[in-house]
């Protein structure tokens, strides 16, 4: 009996990507609005923004996402208090099931957050920077892209959209969620407990011994948890969180570098500047100038 292939059903297809952005905006940022013939998703990675969709306002907080439908007029502004970080991706998809996203604010899951991060990561493997320029109208390919990067962007986008639609349709959930083992569950809870502890003490000086004692965890287990999830040690992770908060404070423009350094528990503004450059790739002054220039251009 001859074999007969099964043609796989395709519920949706992302035909092409128009732009991929990761923005770190000032707390005073205000985009007056636009419309275009493709979909655009906005996901808040940090802070809060106010968006409009056909003049209807929505407040988006950290971990929330909104999809602007084709030809929908939309605008965006910061709330004047916190400096937001945003993922913005625009793309073409003509599938009828995309209507599921129209005028809907959704919380993203950890899986969906990971897929968004993977899209940003693969974009850096095949598309010329910068990724924080809101005036980009045509992305340029790298001369020597990483093999498969563009296709992975397409696959990650389609996977994220399918998972979100499936999650929104309670009737289709069934047994789709795998059951974690007890060990995995306990490790996830422990990791989250440590992350919460670090966030609560972000303005302090931190040591591995202090983290271990406060969270009743061994040194090797602590390092293993963070290397598995972040590919770095816990102290480097903590330093990165500090610098992200420093960026936010710089964008809010209420304090000078010495005040920010003191507020975040650094021993001196010079040490703060060295740590900032080591992690961010530029000094605090260079970062402030780049953000200020972008805001003034807008």
C-alpha atoms as a PDB file:
ATOM      1  CA  UNK A   1       0.000   0.000   0.000  1.00  0.00           C
ATOM      2  CA  UNK A   2       1.594   3.332  -1.056  1.00  0.00           C
ATOM      3  CA  UNK A   3       2.208   6.032   1.523  1.00  0.00           C
ATOM      4  CA  UNK A   4       0.010   9.082   1.358  1.00  0.00           C
ATOM      5  CA  UNK A   5       1.266  12.384   2.742  1.00  0.00           C
ATOM      6  CA  UNK A   6      -0.848  14.541   5.030  1.00  0.00           C
ATOM      7  CA  UNK A   7      -0.931  18.158   3.965  1.00  0.00           C
ATOM      8  CA  UNK A   8      -0.619  20.163   7.160  1.00  0.00           C
ATOM      9  CA  UNK A   9      -3.335  22.730   7.751  1.00  0.00           C
ATOM     10  CA  UNK A  10      -2.124  26.310   8.121  1.00  0.00           C
ATOM     11  CA  UNK A  11      -4.303  28.504  10.321  1.00  0.00           C
ATOM     12  CA  UNK A  12      -2.261  31.666   9.762  1.00  0.00           C
ATOM     13  CA  UNK A  13       0.924  32.800   8.059  1.00  0.00           C
ATOM     14  CA  UNK A  14       3.056  35.859   8.728  1.00  0.00           C
ATOM     15  CA  UNK A  15       3.822  36.922   5.163  1.00  0.00           C
ATOM     16  CA  UNK A  16       6.492  39.463   6.038  1.00  0.00           C
ATOM     17  CA  UNK A  17       7.851  41.669   8.807  1.00  0.00           C
ATOM     18  CA  UNK A  18       7.756  45.442   8.362  1.00  0.00           C
ATOM     19  CA  UNK A  19       9.593  46.609  11.513  1.00  0.00           C
ATOM     20  CA  UNK A  20      10.966  45.154  14.731  1.00  0.00           C
ATOM     21  CA  UNK A  21      11.689  47.593  17.547  1.00  0.00           C
ATOM     22  CA  UNK A  22      12.715  47.634  21.192  1.00  0.00           C
ATOM     23  CA  UNK A  23      12.199  51.134  22.608  1.00  0.00           C
ATOM     24  CA  UNK A  24      13.371  52.730  25.852  1.00  0.00           C
ATOM     25  CA  UNK A  25      11.319  55.922  25.988  1.00  0.00           C
ATOM     26  CA  UNK A  26      11.455  59.004  28.194  1.00  0.00           C
ATOM     27  CA  UNK A  27       8.592  59.380  30.673  1.00  0.00           C
ATOM     28  CA  UNK A  28       7.408  62.364  28.587  1.00  0.00           C
ATOM     29  CA  UNK A  29       7.314  60.544  25.242  1.00  0.00           C
ATOM     30  CA  UNK A  30       4.259  61.339  23.115  1.00  0.00           C
ATOM     31  CA  UNK A  31       3.634  59.862  19.654  1.00  0.00           C
ATOM     32  CA  UNK A  32       0.730  61.721  17.980  1.00  0.00           C
ATOM     33  CA  UNK A  33      -0.434  58.779  15.886  1.00  0.00           C
ATOM     34  CA  UNK A  34      -0.521  57.066  12.501  1.00  0.00           C
ATOM     35  CA  UNK A  35      -2.285  54.339  10.541  1.00  0.00           C
ATOM     36  CA  UNK A  36      -1.006  51.778   8.032  1.00  0.00           C
ATOM     37  CA  UNK A  37      -2.166  48.706   6.128  1.00  0.00           C
ATOM     38  CA  UNK A  38      -0.515  46.079   8.371  1.00  0.00           C
ATOM     39  CA  UNK A  39      -0.800  44.739  11.915  1.00  0.00           C
ATOM     40  CA  UNK A  40       1.276  46.216  14.720  1.00  0.00           C
ATOM     41  CA  UNK A  41       1.723  44.742  18.196  1.00  0.00           C
ATOM     42  CA  UNK A  42       2.766  46.796  21.203  1.00  0.00           C
ATOM     43  CA  UNK A  43       3.993  44.957  24.308  1.00  0.00           C
ATOM     44  CA  UNK A  44       5.073  46.757  27.494  1.00  0.00           C
ATOM     45  CA  UNK A  45       8.268  45.263  28.901  1.00  0.00           C
ATOM     46  CA  UNK A  46       8.544  47.837  31.681  1.00  0.00           C
ATOM     47  CA  UNK A  47       6.477  50.729  32.983  1.00  0.00           C
ATOM     48  CA  UNK A  48       3.133  51.839  31.553  1.00  0.00           C
ATOM     49  CA  UNK A  49       1.818  53.601  28.452  1.00  0.00           C
ATOM     50  CA  UNK A  50      -1.477  55.028  27.257  1.00  0.00           C
ATOM     51  CA  UNK A  51      -2.434  54.051  23.722  1.00  0.00           C
ATOM     52  CA  UNK A  52      -5.426  54.868  21.562  1.00  0.00           C
ATOM     53  CA  UNK A  53      -7.047  52.713  18.900  1.00  0.00           C
ATOM     54  CA  UNK A  54      -9.538  54.644  16.761  1.00  0.00           C
ATOM     55  CA  UNK A  55      -9.609  57.306  19.515  1.00  0.00           C
ATOM     56  CA  UNK A  56     -10.476  54.778  22.251  1.00  0.00           C
ATOM     57  CA  UNK A  57      -7.860  54.972  25.061  1.00  0.00           C
ATOM     58  CA  UNK A  58      -6.275  51.918  26.713  1.00  0.00           C
ATOM     59  CA  UNK A  59      -3.743  51.706  29.535  1.00  0.00           C
ATOM     60  CA  UNK A  60      -1.067  49.072  28.942  1.00  0.00           C
ATOM     61  CA  UNK A  61       1.022  47.890  31.889  1.00  0.00           C
ATOM     62  CA  UNK A  62       4.087  45.661  32.113  1.00  0.00           C
ATOM     63  CA  UNK A  63       3.428  42.260  30.540  1.00  0.00           C
ATOM     64  CA  UNK A  64       0.409  43.428  28.507  1.00  0.00           C
ATOM     65  CA  UNK A  65       0.088  43.454  24.730  1.00  0.00           C
ATOM     66  CA  UNK A  66      -2.214  45.131  22.203  1.00  0.00           C
ATOM     67  CA  UNK A  67      -2.571  44.550  18.458  1.00  0.00           C
ATOM     68  CA  UNK A  68      -3.440  47.463  16.177  1.00  0.00           C
ATOM     69  CA  UNK A  69      -5.418  46.189  13.197  1.00  0.00           C
ATOM     70  CA  UNK A  70      -4.602  47.301   9.639  1.00  0.00           C
ATOM     71  CA  UNK A  71      -5.739  50.874   8.854  1.00  0.00           C
ATOM     72  CA  UNK A  72      -6.578  51.547  12.504  1.00  0.00           C
ATOM     73  CA  UNK A  73      -5.417  54.984  13.628  1.00  0.00           C
ATOM     74  CA  UNK A  74      -3.374  54.670  16.815  1.00  0.00           C
ATOM     75  CA  UNK A  75      -1.239  56.807  19.102  1.00  0.00           C
ATOM     76  CA  UNK A  76       0.951  56.244  22.145  1.00  0.00           C
ATOM     77  CA  UNK A  77       2.294  58.267  25.053  1.00  0.00           C
ATOM     78  CA  UNK A  78       4.082  57.670  28.345  1.00  0.00           C
ATOM     79  CA  UNK A  79       2.209  58.405  31.557  1.00  0.00           C
ATOM     80  CA  UNK A  80       4.551  61.218  32.616  1.00  0.00           C
ATOM     81  CA  UNK A  81       5.786  59.292  35.678  1.00  0.00           C
ATOM     82  CA  UNK A  82       7.632  56.153  34.567  1.00  0.00           C
ATOM     83  CA  UNK A  83       9.917  55.679  31.563  1.00  0.00           C
ATOM     84  CA  UNK A  84       8.530  52.715  29.557  1.00  0.00           C
ATOM     85  CA  UNK A  85      10.276  49.958  27.615  1.00  0.00           C
ATOM     86  CA  UNK A  86       8.305  48.621  24.652  1.00  0.00           C
ATOM     87  CA  UNK A  87       8.477  45.868  22.062  1.00  0.00           C
ATOM     88  CA  UNK A  88       6.824  46.987  18.809  1.00  0.00           C
ATOM     89  CA  UNK A  89       6.553  44.626  15.838  1.00  0.00           C
ATOM     90  CA  UNK A  90       4.623  45.314  12.652  1.00  0.00           C
ATOM     91  CA  UNK A  91       3.796  42.600  10.133  1.00  0.00           C
ATOM     92  CA  UNK A  92       1.451  41.400   7.386  1.00  0.00           C
ATOM     93  CA  UNK A  93      -0.967  38.564   8.102  1.00  0.00           C
ATOM     94  CA  UNK A  94      -4.234  38.131   6.207  1.00  0.00           C
ATOM     95  CA  UNK A  95      -5.670  35.187   8.151  1.00  0.00           C
ATOM     96  CA  UNK A  96      -9.273  35.592   9.255  1.00  0.00           C
ATOM     97  CA  UNK A  97      -8.412  34.378  12.763  1.00  0.00           C
ATOM     98  CA  UNK A  98      -6.388  37.559  13.357  1.00  0.00           C
ATOM     99  CA  UNK A  99      -9.699  39.277  14.102  1.00  0.00           C
ATOM    100  CA  UNK A 100      -9.373  37.602  17.503  1.00  0.00           C
ATOM    101  CA  UNK A 101      -6.841  40.314  18.446  1.00  0.00           C
ATOM    102  CA  UNK A 102      -8.874  43.350  17.416  1.00  0.00           C
ATOM    103  CA  UNK A 103      -9.368  45.830  20.310  1.00  0.00           C
ATOM    104  CA  UNK A 104      -8.183  43.295  22.892  1.00  0.00           C
ATOM    105  CA  UNK A 105      -5.712  43.898  25.737  1.00  0.00           C
ATOM    106  CA  UNK A 106      -4.026  40.643  26.793  1.00  0.00           C
ATOM    107  CA  UNK A 107      -1.539  39.585  29.452  1.00  0.00           C
ATOM    108  CA  UNK A 108       1.303  37.591  27.932  1.00  0.00           C
ATOM    109  CA  UNK A 109       2.490  34.310  29.409  1.00  0.00           C
ATOM    110  CA  UNK A 110       6.114  33.461  30.150  1.00  0.00           C
ATOM    111  CA  UNK A 111       6.188  31.337  26.982  1.00  0.00           C
ATOM    112  CA  UNK A 112       4.957  34.248  24.885  1.00  0.00           C
ATOM    113  CA  UNK A 113       7.438  36.605  26.549  1.00  0.00           C
ATOM    114  CA  UNK A 114      10.218  34.164  25.651  1.00  0.00           C
ATOM    115  CA  UNK A 115       9.038  34.058  22.033  1.00  0.00           C
ATOM    116  CA  UNK A 116       9.083  37.860  21.846  1.00  0.00           C
ATOM    117  CA  UNK A 117      12.617  37.876  23.253  1.00  0.00           C
ATOM    118  CA  UNK A 118      13.612  35.249  20.680  1.00  0.00           C
ATOM    119  CA  UNK A 119      12.232  37.413  17.860  1.00  0.00           C
ATOM    120  CA  UNK A 120      14.317  40.385  19.062  1.00  0.00           C
ATOM    121  CA  UNK A 121      17.363  38.136  19.407  1.00  0.00           C
ATOM    122  CA  UNK A 122      17.013  36.675  15.903  1.00  0.00           C
ATOM    123  CA  UNK A 123      16.422  40.145  14.461  1.00  0.00           C
ATOM    124  CA  UNK A 124      19.881  41.104  15.711  1.00  0.00           C
ATOM    125  CA  UNK A 125      21.220  38.086  13.794  1.00  0.00           C
ATOM    126  CA  UNK A 126      19.911  39.206  10.424  1.00  0.00           C
ATOM    127  CA  UNK A 127      18.827  42.869  10.459  1.00  0.00           C
ATOM    128  CA  UNK A 128      21.003  45.977  10.664  1.00  0.00           C
ATOM    129  CA  UNK A 129      20.644  48.029  13.837  1.00  0.00           C
ATOM    130  CA  UNK A 130      19.481  50.241  15.406  1.00  0.00           C
ATOM    131  CA  UNK A 131      16.263  48.737  16.775  1.00  0.00           C
ATOM    132  CA  UNK A 132      15.248  51.838  18.731  1.00  0.00           C
ATOM    133  CA  UNK A 133      14.624  54.226  15.836  1.00  0.00           C
ATOM    134  CA  UNK A 134      10.883  54.911  15.440  1.00  0.00           C
ATOM    135  CA  UNK A 135      11.503  56.458  12.022  1.00  0.00           C
ATOM    136  CA  UNK A 136      12.608  53.185  10.419  1.00  0.00           C
ATOM    137  CA  UNK A 137      10.454  52.530   7.354  1.00  0.00           C
ATOM    138  CA  UNK A 138      12.540  49.806   5.751  1.00  0.00           C
ATOM    139  CA  UNK A 139      14.764  47.354   7.594  1.00  0.00           C
ATOM    140  CA  UNK A 140      18.057  46.398   5.986  1.00  0.00           C
ATOM    141  CA  UNK A 141      19.521  42.885   6.019  1.00  0.00           C
ATOM    142  CA  UNK A 142      22.960  42.256   7.463  1.00  0.00           C
ATOM    143  CA  UNK A 143      25.573  41.420   4.853  1.00  0.00           C
ATOM    144  CA  UNK A 144      26.420  38.184   6.670  1.00  0.00           C
ATOM    145  CA  UNK A 145      23.252  37.063   8.538  1.00  0.00           C
ATOM    146  CA  UNK A 146      23.119  34.046  10.826  1.00  0.00           C
ATOM    147  CA  UNK A 147      21.730  30.988   9.056  1.00  0.00           C
ATOM    148  CA  UNK A 148      17.969  30.584   9.467  1.00  0.00           C
ATOM    149  CA  UNK A 149      17.423  33.775  11.470  1.00  0.00           C
ATOM    150  CA  UNK A 150      14.724  35.233   9.215  1.00  0.00           C
ATOM    151  CA  UNK A 151      12.774  31.974   9.088  1.00  0.00           C
ATOM    152  CA  UNK A 152      12.954  31.656  12.867  1.00  0.00           C
ATOM    153  CA  UNK A 153      11.452  35.143  13.215  1.00  0.00           C
ATOM    154  CA  UNK A 154       8.524  34.006  11.068  1.00  0.00           C
ATOM    155  CA  UNK A 155       8.117  30.751  13.020  1.00  0.00           C
ATOM    156  CA  UNK A 156       8.332  32.436  16.434  1.00  0.00           C
ATOM    157  CA  UNK A 157       5.754  35.039  15.379  1.00  0.00           C
ATOM    158  CA  UNK A 158       3.354  32.417  14.085  1.00  0.00           C
ATOM    159  CA  UNK A 159       3.830  30.261  17.190  1.00  0.00           C
ATOM    160  CA  UNK A 160       3.134  33.197  19.496  1.00  0.00           C
ATOM    161  CA  UNK A 161      -0.011  34.223  17.608  1.00  0.00           C
ATOM    162  CA  UNK A 162      -1.348  30.662  17.528  1.00  0.00           C
ATOM    163  CA  UNK A 163      -0.712  30.141  21.242  1.00  0.00           C
ATOM    164  CA  UNK A 164      -2.442  33.392  22.143  1.00  0.00           C
ATOM    165  CA  UNK A 165      -5.508  32.568  20.060  1.00  0.00           C
ATOM    166  CA  UNK A 166      -5.619  29.055  21.495  1.00  0.00           C
ATOM    167  CA  UNK A 167      -5.306  30.428  25.025  1.00  0.00           C
ATOM    168  CA  UNK A 168      -8.107  32.906  24.384  1.00  0.00           C
ATOM    169  CA  UNK A 169     -10.419  30.168  23.132  1.00  0.00           C
ATOM    170  CA  UNK A 170     -11.162  28.216  26.302  1.00  0.00           C
ATOM    171  CA  UNK A 171     -12.904  25.471  24.341  1.00  0.00           C
ATOM    172  CA  UNK A 172      -9.663  24.574  22.563  1.00  0.00           C
ATOM    173  CA  UNK A 173      -7.402  24.422  25.595  1.00  0.00           C
ATOM    174  CA  UNK A 174      -8.081  20.807  26.486  1.00  0.00           C
ATOM    175  CA  UNK A 175      -4.892  19.188  27.750  1.00  0.00           C
ATOM    176  CA  UNK A 176      -2.632  21.631  25.967  1.00  0.00           C
ATOM    177  CA  UNK A 177      -0.798  22.698  29.117  1.00  0.00           C
ATOM    178  CA  UNK A 178       1.892  20.210  30.120  1.00  0.00           C
ATOM    179  CA  UNK A 179       2.080  19.329  33.788  1.00  0.00           C
ATOM    180  CA  UNK A 180       5.411  20.286  35.333  1.00  0.00           C
ATOM    181  CA  UNK A 181       7.214  17.825  37.527  1.00  0.00           C
ATOM    182  CA  UNK A 182       7.377  18.606  41.225  1.00  0.00           C
ATOM    183  CA  UNK A 183      11.090  19.396  40.931  1.00  0.00           C
ATOM    184  CA  UNK A 184      10.588  21.817  38.039  1.00  0.00           C
ATOM    185  CA  UNK A 185       7.746  23.498  39.883  1.00  0.00           C
ATOM    186  CA  UNK A 186       9.799  23.905  43.060  1.00  0.00           C
ATOM    187  CA  UNK A 187      12.778  25.273  41.134  1.00  0.00           C
ATOM    188  CA  UNK A 188      10.568  27.779  39.338  1.00  0.00           C
ATOM    189  CA  UNK A 189       9.080  28.956  42.627  1.00  0.00           C
ATOM    190  CA  UNK A 190      12.532  29.246  44.194  1.00  0.00           C
ATOM    191  CA  UNK A 191      13.901  31.167  41.218  1.00  0.00           C
ATOM    192  CA  UNK A 192      10.959  33.574  41.282  1.00  0.00           C
ATOM    193  CA  UNK A 193      11.384  34.056  45.027  1.00  0.00           C
ATOM    194  CA  UNK A 194      15.037  35.038  44.537  1.00  0.00           C
ATOM    195  CA  UNK A 195      14.171  37.375  41.640  1.00  0.00           C
ATOM    196  CA  UNK A 196      11.512  39.057  43.782  1.00  0.00           C
ATOM    197  CA  UNK A 197      14.032  39.409  46.607  1.00  0.00           C
ATOM    198  CA  UNK A 198      16.557  41.036  44.272  1.00  0.00           C
ATOM    199  CA  UNK A 199      13.936  43.445  42.947  1.00  0.00           C
ATOM    200  CA  UNK A 200      12.922  44.399  46.487  1.00  0.00           C
ATOM    201  CA  UNK A 201      16.576  45.111  47.393  1.00  0.00           C
ATOM    202  CA  UNK A 202      17.625  46.604  44.062  1.00  0.00           C
ATOM    203  CA  UNK A 203      18.920  49.770  45.761  1.00  0.00           C
ATOM    204  CA  UNK A 204      21.281  47.879  48.054  1.00  0.00           C
ATOM    205  CA  UNK A 205      24.735  46.339  47.754  1.00  0.00           C
ATOM    206  CA  UNK A 206      24.294  42.584  47.260  1.00  0.00           C
ATOM    207  CA  UNK A 207      26.496  39.526  47.796  1.00  0.00           C
ATOM    208  CA  UNK A 208      25.931  35.853  47.044  1.00  0.00           C
ATOM    209  CA  UNK A 209      26.145  35.038  50.747  1.00  0.00           C
ATOM    210  CA  UNK A 210      23.416  37.561  51.552  1.00  0.00           C
ATOM    211  CA  UNK A 211      21.128  36.175  48.827  1.00  0.00           C
ATOM    212  CA  UNK A 212      21.679  32.584  49.979  1.00  0.00           C
ATOM    213  CA  UNK A 213      20.958  33.410  53.612  1.00  0.00           C
ATOM    214  CA  UNK A 214      17.802  35.401  52.863  1.00  0.00           C
ATOM    215  CA  UNK A 215      16.348  32.722  50.555  1.00  0.00           C
ATOM    216  CA  UNK A 216      17.587  29.544  52.305  1.00  0.00           C
ATOM    217  CA  UNK A 217      19.419  28.302  49.232  1.00  0.00           C
ATOM    218  CA  UNK A 218      22.909  26.897  48.689  1.00  0.00           C
ATOM    219  CA  UNK A 219      25.505  28.815  46.692  1.00  0.00           C
ATOM    220  CA  UNK A 220      25.883  26.186  43.948  1.00  0.00           C
ATOM    221  CA  UNK A 221      22.125  25.724  43.586  1.00  0.00           C
ATOM    222  CA  UNK A 222      21.655  29.503  43.341  1.00  0.00           C
ATOM    223  CA  UNK A 223      24.257  29.865  40.607  1.00  0.00           C
ATOM    224  CA  UNK A 224      22.855  26.848  38.755  1.00  0.00           C
ATOM    225  CA  UNK A 225      19.338  28.343  38.752  1.00  0.00           C
ATOM    226  CA  UNK A 226      20.498  31.611  37.214  1.00  0.00           C
ATOM    227  CA  UNK A 227      22.914  30.103  34.713  1.00  0.00           C
ATOM    228  CA  UNK A 228      20.186  27.794  33.402  1.00  0.00           C
ATOM    229  CA  UNK A 229      17.689  30.631  32.990  1.00  0.00           C
ATOM    230  CA  UNK A 230      19.864  33.653  32.221  1.00  0.00           C
ATOM    231  CA  UNK A 231      23.228  32.221  31.119  1.00  0.00           C
ATOM    232  CA  UNK A 232      24.999  34.316  33.775  1.00  0.00           C
ATOM    233  CA  UNK A 233      25.658  34.373  37.502  1.00  0.00           C
ATOM    234  CA  UNK A 234      23.244  35.879  39.993  1.00  0.00           C
ATOM    235  CA  UNK A 235      25.440  38.922  40.774  1.00  0.00           C
ATOM    236  CA  UNK A 236      25.794  39.826  37.098  1.00  0.00           C
ATOM    237  CA  UNK A 237      22.020  39.399  36.733  1.00  0.00           C
ATOM    238  CA  UNK A 238      21.528  41.729  39.722  1.00  0.00           C
ATOM    239  CA  UNK A 239      23.923  44.277  38.221  1.00  0.00           C
ATOM    240  CA  UNK A 240      21.993  44.218  34.936  1.00  0.00           C
ATOM    241  CA  UNK A 241      18.739  44.862  36.798  1.00  0.00           C
ATOM    242  CA  UNK A 242      20.387  47.812  38.546  1.00  0.00           C
ATOM    243  CA  UNK A 243      21.535  49.306  35.255  1.00  0.00           C
ATOM    244  CA  UNK A 244      18.069  48.849  33.744  1.00  0.00           C
ATOM    245  CA  UNK A 245      16.635  50.805  36.675  1.00  0.00           C
ATOM    246  CA  UNK A 246      19.387  53.412  36.226  1.00  0.00           C
ATOM    247  CA  UNK A 247      18.362  53.802  32.566  1.00  0.00           C
ATOM    248  CA  UNK A 248      14.775  54.330  33.632  1.00  0.00           C
ATOM    249  CA  UNK A 249      15.797  56.988  36.183  1.00  0.00           C
ATOM    250  CA  UNK A 250      17.931  58.740  33.565  1.00  0.00           C
ATOM    251  CA  UNK A 251      15.010  58.811  31.131  1.00  0.00           C
ATOM    252  CA  UNK A 252      12.698  60.194  33.809  1.00  0.00           C
ATOM    253  CA  UNK A 253      15.124  63.118  34.051  1.00  0.00           C
ATOM    254  CA  UNK A 254      14.415  63.954  37.721  1.00  0.00           C
ATOM    255  CA  UNK A 255      17.877  63.196  39.174  1.00  0.00           C
ATOM    256  CA  UNK A 256      21.531  63.710  38.253  1.00  0.00           C
ATOM    257  CA  UNK A 257      24.039  60.855  37.969  1.00  0.00           C
ATOM    258  CA  UNK A 258      25.383  61.293  41.504  1.00  0.00           C
ATOM    259  CA  UNK A 259      21.863  61.075  42.950  1.00  0.00           C
ATOM    260  CA  UNK A 260      21.084  58.002  40.848  1.00  0.00           C
ATOM    261  CA  UNK A 261      24.359  56.390  41.922  1.00  0.00           C
ATOM    262  CA  UNK A 262      23.589  57.018  45.603  1.00  0.00           C
ATOM    263  CA  UNK A 263      19.985  55.882  45.214  1.00  0.00           C
ATOM    264  CA  UNK A 264      21.085  52.552  43.708  1.00  0.00           C
ATOM    265  CA  UNK A 265      23.652  51.851  46.419  1.00  0.00           C
ATOM    266  CA  UNK A 266      26.865  52.368  44.436  1.00  0.00           C
ATOM    267  CA  UNK A 267      29.939  53.375  46.433  1.00  0.00           C
ATOM    268  CA  UNK A 268      30.758  56.225  44.041  1.00  0.00           C
ATOM    269  CA  UNK A 269      29.511  57.828  40.866  1.00  0.00           C
ATOM    270  CA  UNK A 270      32.739  56.732  39.136  1.00  0.00           C
ATOM    271  CA  UNK A 271      32.110  53.069  39.967  1.00  0.00           C
ATOM    272  CA  UNK A 272      28.500  53.491  38.832  1.00  0.00           C
ATOM    273  CA  UNK A 273      29.717  54.936  35.516  1.00  0.00           C
ATOM    274  CA  UNK A 274      32.132  52.023  34.967  1.00  0.00           C
ATOM    275  CA  UNK A 275      29.439  49.448  35.706  1.00  0.00           C
ATOM    276  CA  UNK A 276      26.980  51.251  33.432  1.00  0.00           C
ATOM    277  CA  UNK A 277      29.438  51.257  30.525  1.00  0.00           C
ATOM    278  CA  UNK A 278      30.385  47.618  31.117  1.00  0.00           C
ATOM    279  CA  UNK A 279      26.756  46.470  30.876  1.00  0.00           C
ATOM    280  CA  UNK A 280      25.125  49.068  28.607  1.00  0.00           C
ATOM    281  CA  UNK A 281      28.088  49.614  26.293  1.00  0.00           C
ATOM    282  CA  UNK A 282      28.094  53.376  26.876  1.00  0.00           C
ATOM    283  CA  UNK A 283      28.515  55.803  29.750  1.00  0.00           C
ATOM    284  CA  UNK A 284      25.498  57.308  31.549  1.00  0.00           C
ATOM    285  CA  UNK A 285      26.213  60.629  29.807  1.00  0.00           C
ATOM    286  CA  UNK A 286      26.306  58.977  26.390  1.00  0.00           C
ATOM    287  CA  UNK A 287      23.075  57.129  27.150  1.00  0.00           C
ATOM    288  CA  UNK A 288      21.334  60.303  28.333  1.00  0.00           C
ATOM    289  CA  UNK A 289      22.468  62.155  25.190  1.00  0.00           C
ATOM    290  CA  UNK A 290      21.222  59.405  22.870  1.00  0.00           C
ATOM    291  CA  UNK A 291      17.804  59.281  24.564  1.00  0.00           C
ATOM    292  CA  UNK A 292      17.541  63.065  24.705  1.00  0.00           C
ATOM    293  CA  UNK A 293      18.465  63.354  21.031  1.00  0.00           C
ATOM    294  CA  UNK A 294      15.794  60.833  20.060  1.00  0.00           C
ATOM    295  CA  UNK A 295      13.159  62.656  22.128  1.00  0.00           C
ATOM    296  CA  UNK A 296      14.089  66.059  20.680  1.00  0.00           C
ATOM    297  CA  UNK A 297      13.980  64.652  17.167  1.00  0.00           C
ATOM    298  CA  UNK A 298      10.458  63.393  17.825  1.00  0.00           C
END
